[in-house]
């Protein structure tokens, strides 16, 4: 099993596990490797130290480890997205219509999420209806396999 440090074109860093280098290259070529944060398939390998399994004869000295500066921010963002998904109703492409119905008291007040075009979003904001774009990673939209 190869564990690779990967990075998308938006500079999100993540880890990928592959059976071999050929497996990674094949999945990459077919567009199957994507960033869990933004869904970008423009992914590149980062330099990483090799892991050598030399046995357990000598205990390994502890190493100081530093994560990428934005790793905590990415984790907090994912936690927030999961919270939003768990506490809102997905109304899909009916988002603009349902947001208006809630705003004008025609539907019960509740948290909703869905898809809206930039024009629909702008129109909602002009009407005084508060909306916030929230890109949801593809991995969070689908059940885990």
C-alpha atoms as a PDB file:
ATOM      1  CA  UNK A   1       0.000   0.000   0.000  1.00  0.00           C
ATOM      2  CA  UNK A   2       1.368   3.409  -0.986  1.00  0.00           C
ATOM      3  CA  UNK A   3       0.362   6.445   1.021  1.00  0.00           C
ATOM      4  CA  UNK A   4       0.886   9.623  -0.984  1.00  0.00           C
ATOM      5  CA  UNK A   5       0.789  13.253   0.056  1.00  0.00           C
ATOM      6  CA  UNK A   6      -1.315  15.034  -2.545  1.00  0.00           C
ATOM      7  CA  UNK A   7      -2.263  18.618  -3.334  1.00  0.00           C
ATOM      8  CA  UNK A   8      -4.895  20.100  -5.634  1.00  0.00           C
ATOM      9  CA  UNK A   9      -4.532  23.236  -7.738  1.00  0.00           C
ATOM     10  CA  UNK A  10      -6.254  25.222  -4.941  1.00  0.00           C
ATOM     11  CA  UNK A  11      -3.395  24.190  -2.609  1.00  0.00           C
ATOM     12  CA  UNK A  12      -5.555  21.873  -0.438  1.00  0.00           C
ATOM     13  CA  UNK A  13      -3.358  19.119   0.944  1.00  0.00           C
ATOM     14  CA  UNK A  14      -4.612  15.604   1.575  1.00  0.00           C
ATOM     15  CA  UNK A  15      -3.513  11.996   1.694  1.00  0.00           C
ATOM     16  CA  UNK A  16      -4.294   9.213  -0.765  1.00  0.00           C
ATOM     17  CA  UNK A  17      -3.844   5.457  -0.370  1.00  0.00           C
ATOM     18  CA  UNK A  18      -3.134   3.368  -3.453  1.00  0.00           C
ATOM     19  CA  UNK A  19      -2.149  -0.223  -4.161  1.00  0.00           C
ATOM     20  CA  UNK A  20       0.863   0.926  -6.207  1.00  0.00           C
ATOM     21  CA  UNK A  21       2.315   3.842  -8.159  1.00  0.00           C
ATOM     22  CA  UNK A  22       0.678   2.407 -11.277  1.00  0.00           C
ATOM     23  CA  UNK A  23      -2.670   2.313  -9.495  1.00  0.00           C
ATOM     24  CA  UNK A  24      -2.290   6.001  -8.526  1.00  0.00           C
ATOM     25  CA  UNK A  25      -1.275   7.012 -12.065  1.00  0.00           C
ATOM     26  CA  UNK A  26      -4.154   5.036 -13.586  1.00  0.00           C
ATOM     27  CA  UNK A  27      -6.759   6.571 -11.258  1.00  0.00           C
ATOM     28  CA  UNK A  28      -5.278  10.032 -11.822  1.00  0.00           C
ATOM     29  CA  UNK A  29      -5.461   9.611 -15.614  1.00  0.00           C
ATOM     30  CA  UNK A  30      -9.126   8.542 -15.387  1.00  0.00           C
ATOM     31  CA  UNK A  31      -9.998  11.568 -13.198  1.00  0.00           C
ATOM     32  CA  UNK A  32     -10.810   9.409 -10.173  1.00  0.00           C
ATOM     33  CA  UNK A  33      -8.445  11.192  -7.770  1.00  0.00           C
ATOM     34  CA  UNK A  34     -10.049  14.356  -6.475  1.00  0.00           C
ATOM     35  CA  UNK A  35      -9.594  16.810  -3.636  1.00  0.00           C
ATOM     36  CA  UNK A  36     -11.933  16.035  -0.715  1.00  0.00           C
ATOM     37  CA  UNK A  37     -12.254  19.765  -0.006  1.00  0.00           C
ATOM     38  CA  UNK A  38     -13.197  21.179  -3.419  1.00  0.00           C
ATOM     39  CA  UNK A  39     -13.537  18.214  -5.794  1.00  0.00           C
ATOM     40  CA  UNK A  40     -10.659  19.428  -8.000  1.00  0.00           C
ATOM     41  CA  UNK A  41      -9.166  16.634 -10.119  1.00  0.00           C
ATOM     42  CA  UNK A  42      -5.994  18.629 -10.931  1.00  0.00           C
ATOM     43  CA  UNK A  43      -4.029  16.737  -8.293  1.00  0.00           C
ATOM     44  CA  UNK A  44      -0.265  16.453  -7.923  1.00  0.00           C
ATOM     45  CA  UNK A  45       1.961  14.405  -5.660  1.00  0.00           C
ATOM     46  CA  UNK A  46       3.928  16.302  -3.057  1.00  0.00           C
ATOM     47  CA  UNK A  47       7.356  15.271  -1.892  1.00  0.00           C
ATOM     48  CA  UNK A  48       7.135  12.898   1.036  1.00  0.00           C
ATOM     49  CA  UNK A  49       9.619  10.951   3.079  1.00  0.00           C
ATOM     50  CA  UNK A  50       9.714   7.211   2.379  1.00  0.00           C
ATOM     51  CA  UNK A  51       8.646   4.858   5.129  1.00  0.00           C
ATOM     52  CA  UNK A  52      11.021   1.997   5.625  1.00  0.00           C
ATOM     53  CA  UNK A  53       9.878  -0.964   7.678  1.00  0.00           C
ATOM     54  CA  UNK A  54      13.114  -2.141   9.254  1.00  0.00           C
ATOM     55  CA  UNK A  55      11.516  -4.128  12.032  1.00  0.00           C
ATOM     56  CA  UNK A  56      10.822  -3.311  15.652  1.00  0.00           C
ATOM     57  CA  UNK A  57      14.290  -4.089  17.010  1.00  0.00           C
ATOM     58  CA  UNK A  58      14.968  -0.477  17.995  1.00  0.00           C
ATOM     59  CA  UNK A  59      12.356   1.901  19.346  1.00  0.00           C
ATOM     60  CA  UNK A  60      11.972   4.899  17.114  1.00  0.00           C
ATOM     61  CA  UNK A  61      12.827   8.253  18.626  1.00  0.00           C
ATOM     62  CA  UNK A  62       9.934  10.679  18.728  1.00  0.00           C
ATOM     63  CA  UNK A  63       9.944  13.198  15.932  1.00  0.00           C
ATOM     64  CA  UNK A  64       8.634  16.702  15.948  1.00  0.00           C
ATOM     65  CA  UNK A  65       5.844  16.901  13.453  1.00  0.00           C
ATOM     66  CA  UNK A  66       4.357  19.993  11.900  1.00  0.00           C
ATOM     67  CA  UNK A  67       1.180  19.976   9.885  1.00  0.00           C
ATOM     68  CA  UNK A  68       0.449  22.243   6.974  1.00  0.00           C
ATOM     69  CA  UNK A  69      -0.571  25.703   8.205  1.00  0.00           C
ATOM     70  CA  UNK A  70      -4.076  25.359   6.847  1.00  0.00           C
ATOM     71  CA  UNK A  71      -4.770  21.803   8.073  1.00  0.00           C
ATOM     72  CA  UNK A  72      -6.666  23.015  11.165  1.00  0.00           C
ATOM     73  CA  UNK A  73      -8.606  25.490   9.068  1.00  0.00           C
ATOM     74  CA  UNK A  74      -9.552  22.757   6.581  1.00  0.00           C
ATOM     75  CA  UNK A  75     -10.652  20.470   9.426  1.00  0.00           C
ATOM     76  CA  UNK A  76     -12.734  23.264  10.992  1.00  0.00           C
ATOM     77  CA  UNK A  77     -14.314  24.042   7.623  1.00  0.00           C
ATOM     78  CA  UNK A  78     -15.228  20.370   7.057  1.00  0.00           C
ATOM     79  CA  UNK A  79     -16.708  20.190  10.568  1.00  0.00           C
ATOM     80  CA  UNK A  80     -18.794  23.289   9.859  1.00  0.00           C
ATOM     81  CA  UNK A  81     -20.021  21.883   6.525  1.00  0.00           C
ATOM     82  CA  UNK A  82     -21.006  18.605   8.222  1.00  0.00           C
ATOM     83  CA  UNK A  83     -22.904  20.612  10.876  1.00  0.00           C
ATOM     84  CA  UNK A  84     -24.755  22.598   8.208  1.00  0.00           C
ATOM     85  CA  UNK A  85     -25.657  19.412   6.328  1.00  0.00           C
ATOM     86  CA  UNK A  86     -26.900  17.706   9.499  1.00  0.00           C
ATOM     87  CA  UNK A  87     -29.049  20.684  10.512  1.00  0.00           C
ATOM     88  CA  UNK A  88     -30.587  21.839   7.238  1.00  0.00           C
ATOM     89  CA  UNK A  89     -33.009  20.433   4.709  1.00  0.00           C
ATOM     90  CA  UNK A  90     -31.739  19.843   1.182  1.00  0.00           C
ATOM     91  CA  UNK A  91     -34.294  21.378  -1.198  1.00  0.00           C
ATOM     92  CA  UNK A  92     -32.089  20.914  -4.253  1.00  0.00           C
ATOM     93  CA  UNK A  93     -32.811  23.093  -7.274  1.00  0.00           C
ATOM     94  CA  UNK A  94     -35.907  24.539  -5.547  1.00  0.00           C
ATOM     95  CA  UNK A  95     -33.621  26.577  -3.250  1.00  0.00           C
ATOM     96  CA  UNK A  96     -34.466  30.081  -4.548  1.00  0.00           C
ATOM     97  CA  UNK A  97     -38.195  29.355  -4.608  1.00  0.00           C
ATOM     98  CA  UNK A  98     -38.191  27.835  -1.106  1.00  0.00           C
ATOM     99  CA  UNK A  99     -36.020  30.635   0.338  1.00  0.00           C
ATOM    100  CA  UNK A 100     -38.573  33.168  -0.918  1.00  0.00           C
ATOM    101  CA  UNK A 101     -41.490  31.159   0.504  1.00  0.00           C
ATOM    102  CA  UNK A 102     -39.808  31.064   3.919  1.00  0.00           C
ATOM    103  CA  UNK A 103     -38.866  34.756   3.762  1.00  0.00           C
ATOM    104  CA  UNK A 104     -42.413  35.848   2.910  1.00  0.00           C
ATOM    105  CA  UNK A 105     -44.011  33.550   5.525  1.00  0.00           C
ATOM    106  CA  UNK A 106     -45.571  31.157   3.007  1.00  0.00           C
ATOM    107  CA  UNK A 107     -43.595  28.191   4.350  1.00  0.00           C
ATOM    108  CA  UNK A 108     -42.362  27.183   7.785  1.00  0.00           C
ATOM    109  CA  UNK A 109     -39.130  28.795   8.991  1.00  0.00           C
ATOM    110  CA  UNK A 110     -36.232  26.320   8.830  1.00  0.00           C
ATOM    111  CA  UNK A 111     -32.686  26.013   7.619  1.00  0.00           C
ATOM    112  CA  UNK A 112     -32.405  24.932   3.993  1.00  0.00           C
ATOM    113  CA  UNK A 113     -29.644  24.279   1.492  1.00  0.00           C
ATOM    114  CA  UNK A 114     -29.654  23.612  -2.224  1.00  0.00           C
ATOM    115  CA  UNK A 115     -28.462  24.850  -5.585  1.00  0.00           C
ATOM    116  CA  UNK A 116     -28.960  28.316  -7.042  1.00  0.00           C
ATOM    117  CA  UNK A 117     -27.487  30.043 -10.059  1.00  0.00           C
ATOM    118  CA  UNK A 118     -25.436  33.216  -9.539  1.00  0.00           C
ATOM    119  CA  UNK A 119     -28.380  35.193 -10.957  1.00  0.00           C
ATOM    120  CA  UNK A 120     -30.834  33.581  -8.517  1.00  0.00           C
ATOM    121  CA  UNK A 121     -28.461  34.263  -5.619  1.00  0.00           C
ATOM    122  CA  UNK A 122     -28.094  37.908  -6.626  1.00  0.00           C
ATOM    123  CA  UNK A 123     -31.875  38.301  -6.926  1.00  0.00           C
ATOM    124  CA  UNK A 124     -32.400  36.784  -3.455  1.00  0.00           C
ATOM    125  CA  UNK A 125     -29.851  39.161  -1.949  1.00  0.00           C
ATOM    126  CA  UNK A 126     -31.501  42.152  -3.691  1.00  0.00           C
ATOM    127  CA  UNK A 127     -34.814  41.112  -2.092  1.00  0.00           C
ATOM    128  CA  UNK A 128     -33.145  41.133   1.326  1.00  0.00           C
ATOM    129  CA  UNK A 129     -33.084  37.350   1.652  1.00  0.00           C
ATOM    130  CA  UNK A 130     -29.848  36.303   3.334  1.00  0.00           C
ATOM    131  CA  UNK A 131     -28.071  33.495   1.511  1.00  0.00           C
ATOM    132  CA  UNK A 132     -24.483  32.289   1.693  1.00  0.00           C
ATOM    133  CA  UNK A 133     -22.696  30.226  -0.961  1.00  0.00           C
ATOM    134  CA  UNK A 134     -21.356  27.048   0.623  1.00  0.00           C
ATOM    135  CA  UNK A 135     -19.357  24.708  -1.592  1.00  0.00           C
ATOM    136  CA  UNK A 136     -19.908  21.177  -0.328  1.00  0.00           C
ATOM    137  CA  UNK A 137     -17.191  18.625  -1.108  1.00  0.00           C
ATOM    138  CA  UNK A 138     -18.435  15.808  -3.309  1.00  0.00           C
ATOM    139  CA  UNK A 139     -17.341  13.249  -0.706  1.00  0.00           C
ATOM    140  CA  UNK A 140     -19.788  14.714   1.818  1.00  0.00           C
ATOM    141  CA  UNK A 141     -22.707  14.658  -0.631  1.00  0.00           C
ATOM    142  CA  UNK A 142     -22.586  10.896  -1.113  1.00  0.00           C
ATOM    143  CA  UNK A 143     -22.634   8.008   1.353  1.00  0.00           C
ATOM    144  CA  UNK A 144     -19.273   6.507   2.213  1.00  0.00           C
ATOM    145  CA  UNK A 145     -18.526   3.258   0.415  1.00  0.00           C
END
